């Protein structure tokens, strides 16, 4: 089964091609170091205050990875650019924790692997206690 990246979908943003290009560039650079290729990435902008006006614009970023739960980050600010930058910073922190957990789970050998290696003689046995230590324990 092959998973194909469909690109970055941007919704709720009208008429600002520079911001759209900035979004494509920054999200692409953020998703590049991940070993798994994302299935999709969505950036959505919402007006929190609705028709009454006000400075609240919310940006929600969602990244779907194969065989993993989706990552989602949100941020609210006065302009779409500030909302996007804040949401992207939160998404970068989530991705860093994701990469760190993945790295830690592979770093240390599991107990059965270590026991098998010890049985094969690949690992040296644990050092024996000295006579002095045995005498002190008695």
N, C-alpha and C. Protein backbone atom coordinates (compact mmCIF):
# COMPACT_ATOMS: atom_id res chain seq x y z
N UNK A 1 0.84 -1.18 0.00
CA UNK A 1 0.00 0.00 0.00
C UNK A 1 0.89 1.24 0.00
N UNK A 2 0.67 2.12 -0.93
CA UNK A 2 1.45 3.36 -0.97
C UNK A 2 0.56 4.51 -0.51
N UNK A 3 1.17 5.42 0.22
CA UNK A 3 0.46 6.58 0.73
C UNK A 3 0.98 7.79 -0.04
N UNK A 4 0.08 8.56 -0.59
CA UNK A 4 0.47 9.70 -1.41
C UNK A 4 0.14 11.01 -0.70
N UNK A 5 1.09 11.91 -0.70
CA UNK A 5 0.89 13.22 -0.07
C UNK A 5 0.08 14.09 -1.03
N UNK A 6 -1.06 14.55 -0.57
CA UNK A 6 -1.96 15.33 -1.43
C UNK A 6 -1.64 16.81 -1.45
N UNK A 7 -0.73 17.26 -0.63
CA UNK A 7 -0.39 18.67 -0.62
C UNK A 7 -0.99 19.39 0.57
N UNK A 8 -0.80 20.68 0.59
CA UNK A 8 -1.26 21.51 1.69
C UNK A 8 -2.54 22.21 1.26
N UNK A 9 -3.61 21.96 1.99
CA UNK A 9 -4.89 22.59 1.69
C UNK A 9 -5.05 23.81 2.60
N UNK A 10 -5.36 24.95 2.00
CA UNK A 10 -5.56 26.18 2.78
C UNK A 10 -6.99 26.61 2.58
N UNK A 11 -7.73 26.81 3.67
CA UNK A 11 -9.12 27.26 3.56
C UNK A 11 -9.35 28.45 4.47
N UNK A 12 -10.31 29.29 4.09
CA UNK A 12 -10.68 30.43 4.90
C UNK A 12 -9.81 31.66 4.68
N UNK A 13 -8.89 31.61 3.72
CA UNK A 13 -7.99 32.73 3.45
C UNK A 13 -8.34 33.28 2.07
N UNK A 14 -8.67 34.57 2.02
CA UNK A 14 -9.09 35.16 0.76
C UNK A 14 -8.11 36.23 0.30
N UNK A 15 -7.64 36.09 -0.93
CA UNK A 15 -6.97 37.17 -1.62
C UNK A 15 -5.54 37.51 -1.27
N UNK A 16 -4.84 36.81 -0.43
CA UNK A 16 -3.47 37.18 -0.09
C UNK A 16 -2.51 36.11 -0.62
N UNK A 17 -2.02 36.26 -1.85
CA UNK A 17 -1.14 35.23 -2.41
C UNK A 17 0.22 35.14 -1.71
N UNK A 18 0.70 36.25 -1.17
CA UNK A 18 1.99 36.20 -0.45
C UNK A 18 1.89 35.36 0.81
N UNK A 19 0.78 35.50 1.54
CA UNK A 19 0.59 34.69 2.74
C UNK A 19 0.42 33.22 2.38
N UNK A 20 -0.30 32.95 1.29
CA UNK A 20 -0.48 31.57 0.86
C UNK A 20 0.86 30.94 0.47
N UNK A 21 1.73 31.69 -0.20
CA UNK A 21 3.06 31.19 -0.56
C UNK A 21 3.90 30.97 0.71
N UNK A 22 3.77 31.89 1.67
CA UNK A 22 4.49 31.75 2.95
C UNK A 22 4.04 30.48 3.68
N UNK A 23 2.74 30.22 3.67
CA UNK A 23 2.19 29.03 4.32
C UNK A 23 2.74 27.77 3.67
N UNK A 24 2.70 27.71 2.34
CA UNK A 24 3.22 26.53 1.62
C UNK A 24 4.68 26.29 1.94
N UNK A 25 5.47 27.34 1.95
CA UNK A 25 6.91 27.22 2.20
C UNK A 25 7.19 26.75 3.63
N UNK A 26 6.57 27.39 4.61
CA UNK A 26 6.86 27.07 6.01
C UNK A 26 6.34 25.69 6.42
N UNK A 27 5.13 25.32 5.98
CA UNK A 27 4.59 24.00 6.34
C UNK A 27 5.42 22.91 5.66
N UNK A 28 5.81 23.13 4.41
CA UNK A 28 6.66 22.15 3.72
C UNK A 28 7.99 21.96 4.43
N UNK A 29 8.60 23.05 4.88
CA UNK A 29 9.88 22.95 5.59
C UNK A 29 9.71 22.28 6.95
N UNK A 30 8.58 22.48 7.60
CA UNK A 30 8.34 21.87 8.91
C UNK A 30 8.12 20.37 8.78
N UNK A 31 7.46 19.93 7.72
CA UNK A 31 7.15 18.51 7.55
C UNK A 31 8.28 17.72 6.91
N UNK A 32 9.29 18.39 6.39
CA UNK A 32 10.38 17.71 5.69
C UNK A 32 11.18 16.74 6.55
N UNK A 33 11.54 17.04 7.82
CA UNK A 33 12.38 16.11 8.58
C UNK A 33 11.67 14.86 9.10
N UNK A 34 10.36 14.76 8.93
CA UNK A 34 9.64 13.59 9.42
C UNK A 34 9.96 12.40 8.53
N UNK A 35 10.23 11.24 9.15
CA UNK A 35 10.55 10.04 8.38
C UNK A 35 9.34 9.53 7.61
N UNK A 36 8.15 9.58 8.22
CA UNK A 36 6.93 9.18 7.54
C UNK A 36 6.45 10.34 6.69
N UNK A 37 6.07 10.06 5.46
CA UNK A 37 5.55 11.11 4.60
C UNK A 37 4.09 11.38 4.97
N UNK A 38 3.72 12.62 5.27
CA UNK A 38 2.34 12.91 5.68
C UNK A 38 1.35 12.61 4.56
N UNK A 39 0.15 12.20 4.96
CA UNK A 39 -0.91 11.95 3.99
C UNK A 39 -1.49 13.28 3.53
N UNK A 40 -1.76 14.16 4.48
CA UNK A 40 -2.31 15.47 4.13
C UNK A 40 -1.94 16.49 5.19
N UNK A 41 -1.99 17.74 4.79
CA UNK A 41 -1.78 18.86 5.71
C UNK A 41 -2.84 19.90 5.39
N UNK A 42 -3.54 20.36 6.42
CA UNK A 42 -4.60 21.35 6.23
C UNK A 42 -4.33 22.56 7.11
N UNK A 43 -4.56 23.73 6.54
CA UNK A 43 -4.46 24.98 7.28
C UNK A 43 -5.79 25.69 7.09
N UNK A 44 -6.49 25.96 8.17
CA UNK A 44 -7.81 26.59 8.10
C UNK A 44 -7.82 27.85 8.97
N UNK A 45 -8.41 28.89 8.43
CA UNK A 45 -8.56 30.16 9.15
C UNK A 45 -10.03 30.38 9.46
N UNK A 46 -10.32 30.82 10.69
CA UNK A 46 -11.68 31.09 11.14
C UNK A 46 -11.73 32.46 11.78
N UNK A 47 -12.84 33.14 11.61
CA UNK A 47 -13.06 34.41 12.29
C UNK A 47 -13.83 34.11 13.57
N UNK A 48 -13.14 34.21 14.71
CA UNK A 48 -13.76 33.86 15.99
C UNK A 48 -14.90 34.80 16.38
N UNK A 49 -14.82 36.05 15.99
CA UNK A 49 -15.82 37.02 16.41
C UNK A 49 -17.04 37.04 15.50
N UNK A 50 -16.95 36.45 14.34
CA UNK A 50 -18.09 36.39 13.43
C UNK A 50 -18.43 37.75 12.84
N UNK A 51 -19.71 38.01 12.59
CA UNK A 51 -20.10 39.25 11.91
C UNK A 51 -19.97 40.51 12.76
N UNK A 52 -19.86 40.40 14.07
CA UNK A 52 -19.78 41.61 14.91
C UNK A 52 -18.41 42.28 14.83
N UNK A 53 -17.44 41.62 14.21
CA UNK A 53 -16.12 42.22 14.05
C UNK A 53 -15.23 41.94 15.23
N UNK A 54 -14.02 42.45 15.15
CA UNK A 54 -13.06 42.22 16.21
C UNK A 54 -11.77 41.64 15.67
N UNK A 55 -10.75 41.62 16.50
CA UNK A 55 -9.42 41.24 16.00
C UNK A 55 -9.09 39.75 16.08
N UNK A 56 -10.04 38.89 16.41
CA UNK A 56 -9.70 37.49 16.65
C UNK A 56 -9.81 36.65 15.38
N UNK A 57 -8.67 36.14 14.91
CA UNK A 57 -8.62 35.20 13.79
C UNK A 57 -7.93 33.96 14.31
N UNK A 58 -8.53 32.81 14.09
CA UNK A 58 -7.98 31.54 14.57
C UNK A 58 -7.45 30.75 13.38
N UNK A 59 -6.25 30.19 13.57
CA UNK A 59 -5.63 29.34 12.56
C UNK A 59 -5.51 27.93 13.14
N UNK A 60 -6.03 26.94 12.42
CA UNK A 60 -5.95 25.54 12.86
C UNK A 60 -5.14 24.77 11.83
N UNK A 61 -4.10 24.08 12.29
CA UNK A 61 -3.26 23.27 11.41
C UNK A 61 -3.46 21.80 11.77
N UNK A 62 -3.70 20.98 10.77
CA UNK A 62 -3.90 19.54 10.97
C UNK A 62 -2.99 18.79 10.02
N UNK A 63 -2.21 17.86 10.56
CA UNK A 63 -1.32 17.02 9.76
C UNK A 63 -1.71 15.58 10.01
N UNK A 64 -2.00 14.86 8.93
CA UNK A 64 -2.34 13.44 9.04
C UNK A 64 -1.15 12.60 8.60
N UNK A 65 -0.70 11.72 9.50
CA UNK A 65 0.41 10.82 9.23
C UNK A 65 -0.14 9.41 9.06
N UNK A 66 0.46 8.60 8.19
CA UNK A 66 -0.05 7.23 8.03
C UNK A 66 0.19 6.41 9.29
N UNK A 67 -0.82 5.64 9.66
CA UNK A 67 -0.75 4.71 10.79
C UNK A 67 -0.57 5.42 12.14
N UNK A 68 -0.85 6.69 12.21
CA UNK A 68 -0.71 7.46 13.45
C UNK A 68 -1.92 8.39 13.59
N UNK A 69 -2.21 8.83 14.81
CA UNK A 69 -3.29 9.82 14.95
C UNK A 69 -2.86 11.17 14.36
N UNK A 70 -3.84 11.95 13.97
CA UNK A 70 -3.56 13.26 13.38
C UNK A 70 -3.00 14.21 14.42
N UNK A 71 -2.12 15.11 13.99
CA UNK A 71 -1.58 16.16 14.86
C UNK A 71 -2.35 17.44 14.55
N UNK A 72 -2.78 18.15 15.59
CA UNK A 72 -3.56 19.37 15.38
C UNK A 72 -3.07 20.45 16.33
N UNK A 73 -2.93 21.65 15.79
CA UNK A 73 -2.51 22.80 16.59
C UNK A 73 -3.35 24.01 16.19
N UNK A 74 -3.69 24.85 17.15
CA UNK A 74 -4.48 26.05 16.89
C UNK A 74 -3.84 27.24 17.58
N UNK A 75 -4.10 28.42 17.01
CA UNK A 75 -3.65 29.65 17.65
C UNK A 75 -4.55 30.79 17.17
N UNK A 76 -4.86 31.72 18.06
CA UNK A 76 -5.68 32.88 17.73
C UNK A 76 -4.84 34.14 17.89
N UNK A 77 -5.01 35.07 16.94
CA UNK A 77 -4.28 36.34 16.97
C UNK A 77 -5.09 37.39 16.20
N UNK A 78 -4.52 38.57 16.11
CA UNK A 78 -5.21 39.68 15.44
C UNK A 78 -5.16 39.63 13.93
N UNK A 79 -4.11 39.04 13.36
CA UNK A 79 -3.98 38.95 11.91
C UNK A 79 -3.79 37.48 11.51
N UNK A 80 -4.12 37.15 10.26
CA UNK A 80 -3.92 35.77 9.82
C UNK A 80 -2.45 35.34 9.88
N UNK A 81 -1.53 36.24 9.58
CA UNK A 81 -0.11 35.90 9.60
C UNK A 81 0.36 35.54 11.02
N UNK A 82 -0.03 36.34 12.02
CA UNK A 82 0.34 36.05 13.41
C UNK A 82 -0.32 34.78 13.91
N UNK A 83 -1.57 34.55 13.50
CA UNK A 83 -2.27 33.33 13.91
C UNK A 83 -1.57 32.11 13.30
N UNK A 84 -1.16 32.20 12.04
CA UNK A 84 -0.47 31.08 11.40
C UNK A 84 0.88 30.82 12.06
N UNK A 85 1.65 31.88 12.32
CA UNK A 85 2.97 31.71 12.94
C UNK A 85 2.87 31.07 14.32
N UNK A 86 1.88 31.47 15.12
CA UNK A 86 1.68 30.87 16.43
C UNK A 86 1.25 29.41 16.35
N UNK A 87 0.35 29.11 15.42
CA UNK A 87 -0.10 27.73 15.23
C UNK A 87 1.01 26.84 14.72
N UNK A 88 1.85 27.37 13.82
CA UNK A 88 2.96 26.58 13.30
C UNK A 88 4.00 26.31 14.39
N UNK A 89 4.22 27.27 15.28
CA UNK A 89 5.15 27.04 16.38
C UNK A 89 4.65 25.92 17.29
N UNK A 90 3.35 25.90 17.55
CA UNK A 90 2.78 24.82 18.37
C UNK A 90 2.89 23.48 17.66
N UNK A 91 2.67 23.45 16.34
CA UNK A 91 2.79 22.21 15.57
C UNK A 91 4.24 21.73 15.55
N UNK A 92 5.19 22.65 15.44
CA UNK A 92 6.61 22.26 15.47
C UNK A 92 6.98 21.62 16.80
N UNK A 93 6.44 22.14 17.91
CA UNK A 93 6.71 21.54 19.22
C UNK A 93 6.14 20.12 19.29
N UNK A 94 4.94 19.93 18.75
CA UNK A 94 4.35 18.59 18.74
C UNK A 94 5.18 17.63 17.89
N UNK A 95 5.63 18.09 16.74
CA UNK A 95 6.45 17.23 15.87
C UNK A 95 7.79 16.91 16.52
N UNK A 96 8.36 17.84 17.25
CA UNK A 96 9.63 17.59 17.95
C UNK A 96 9.43 16.51 19.02
N UNK A 97 8.34 16.62 19.78
CA UNK A 97 8.05 15.58 20.77
C UNK A 97 7.82 14.23 20.10
N UNK A 98 7.15 14.24 18.95
CA UNK A 98 6.90 13.01 18.19
C UNK A 98 8.23 12.38 17.76
N UNK A 99 9.14 13.19 17.21
CA UNK A 99 10.44 12.68 16.77
C UNK A 99 11.26 12.18 17.96
N UNK A 100 11.18 12.89 19.08
CA UNK A 100 11.94 12.49 20.27
C UNK A 100 11.43 11.15 20.82
N UNK A 101 10.11 10.98 20.88
CA UNK A 101 9.55 9.70 21.34
C UNK A 101 9.96 8.57 20.41
N UNK A 102 9.93 8.82 19.12
CA UNK A 102 10.31 7.80 18.14
C UNK A 102 11.78 7.43 18.31
N UNK A 103 12.63 8.41 18.51
CA UNK A 103 14.05 8.17 18.70
C UNK A 103 14.32 7.41 19.99
N UNK A 104 13.66 7.77 21.07
CA UNK A 104 13.87 7.10 22.36
C UNK A 104 13.39 5.65 22.32
N UNK A 105 12.33 5.38 21.59
CA UNK A 105 11.82 4.01 21.57
C UNK A 105 12.76 3.09 20.80
N UNK A 106 13.56 3.62 19.90
CA UNK A 106 14.50 2.80 19.15
C UNK A 106 15.90 2.79 19.76
N UNK A 107 16.20 3.68 20.66
CA UNK A 107 17.56 3.86 21.13
C UNK A 107 18.05 2.72 22.02
N UNK A 108 17.26 2.27 22.95
CA UNK A 108 17.71 1.28 23.91
C UNK A 108 17.22 -0.11 23.52
N UNK A 109 18.06 -1.13 23.65
CA UNK A 109 17.60 -2.47 23.31
C UNK A 109 16.57 -2.96 24.33
N UNK A 110 15.63 -3.71 23.84
CA UNK A 110 14.62 -4.26 24.72
C UNK A 110 15.21 -5.41 25.52
N UNK A 111 14.55 -5.78 26.60
CA UNK A 111 15.14 -6.76 27.51
C UNK A 111 15.32 -8.12 26.85
N UNK A 112 14.41 -8.52 25.96
CA UNK A 112 14.56 -9.83 25.33
C UNK A 112 15.73 -9.83 24.34
N UNK A 113 15.92 -8.70 23.68
CA UNK A 113 17.06 -8.58 22.77
C UNK A 113 18.37 -8.67 23.56
N UNK A 114 18.45 -7.98 24.69
CA UNK A 114 19.66 -8.00 25.51
C UNK A 114 19.89 -9.40 26.09
N UNK A 115 18.83 -10.09 26.48
CA UNK A 115 18.97 -11.45 27.03
C UNK A 115 19.46 -12.41 25.95
N UNK A 116 18.95 -12.26 24.74
CA UNK A 116 19.38 -13.13 23.65
C UNK A 116 20.85 -12.89 23.33
N UNK A 117 21.26 -11.64 23.29
CA UNK A 117 22.65 -11.31 23.01
C UNK A 117 23.57 -11.85 24.10
N UNK A 118 23.12 -11.79 25.34
CA UNK A 118 23.90 -12.31 26.46
C UNK A 118 24.04 -13.83 26.34
N UNK A 119 22.96 -14.50 25.94
CA UNK A 119 23.00 -15.96 25.78
C UNK A 119 23.93 -16.37 24.64
N UNK A 120 23.98 -15.55 23.59
CA UNK A 120 24.86 -15.85 22.45
C UNK A 120 26.32 -15.56 22.77
N UNK A 121 26.57 -14.84 23.81
CA UNK A 121 27.95 -14.49 24.17
C UNK A 121 28.42 -13.20 23.53
N UNK A 122 27.53 -12.46 22.90
CA UNK A 122 27.92 -11.21 22.26
C UNK A 122 28.15 -10.11 23.29
N UNK A 123 27.41 -10.16 24.38
CA UNK A 123 27.60 -9.17 25.44
C UNK A 123 28.43 -9.78 26.55
N UNK A 124 29.32 -9.01 27.14
CA UNK A 124 30.09 -9.56 28.26
C UNK A 124 29.18 -9.72 29.47
N UNK A 125 29.39 -10.74 30.29
CA UNK A 125 28.54 -10.91 31.48
C UNK A 125 28.80 -9.78 32.46
N UNK A 126 27.89 -9.62 33.38
CA UNK A 126 28.01 -8.56 34.40
C UNK A 126 29.25 -8.85 35.25
N UNK A 127 29.96 -7.82 35.71
CA UNK A 127 31.17 -8.04 36.52
C UNK A 127 30.81 -8.70 37.85
N UNK A 128 31.68 -9.59 38.30
CA UNK A 128 31.46 -10.28 39.57
C UNK A 128 31.88 -9.37 40.71
N UNK A 129 31.26 -9.60 41.85
CA UNK A 129 31.58 -8.79 43.01
C UNK A 129 32.94 -9.21 43.57
N UNK A 130 33.66 -8.27 44.10
CA UNK A 130 34.97 -8.57 44.67
C UNK A 130 34.82 -9.24 46.04
N UNK A 131 35.92 -9.82 46.53
CA UNK A 131 35.89 -10.46 47.84
C UNK A 131 35.58 -9.46 48.94
N UNK A 132 36.13 -8.25 48.81
CA UNK A 132 35.88 -7.24 49.84
C UNK A 132 34.39 -6.90 49.93
N UNK A 133 33.74 -6.74 48.79
CA UNK A 133 32.34 -6.39 48.79
C UNK A 133 31.51 -7.53 49.38
N UNK A 134 31.87 -8.79 49.03
CA UNK A 134 31.13 -9.93 49.59
C UNK A 134 31.34 -10.01 51.10
N UNK A 135 32.54 -9.71 51.57
CA UNK A 135 32.83 -9.74 53.01
C UNK A 135 32.02 -8.66 53.74
N UNK A 136 31.88 -7.48 53.13
CA UNK A 136 31.13 -6.38 53.76
C UNK A 136 29.64 -6.70 53.82
N UNK A 137 29.14 -7.39 52.80
CA UNK A 137 27.73 -7.72 52.78
C UNK A 137 27.37 -8.81 53.77
N UNK A 138 28.34 -9.63 54.18
CA UNK A 138 28.07 -10.74 55.11
C UNK A 138 27.92 -10.29 56.53
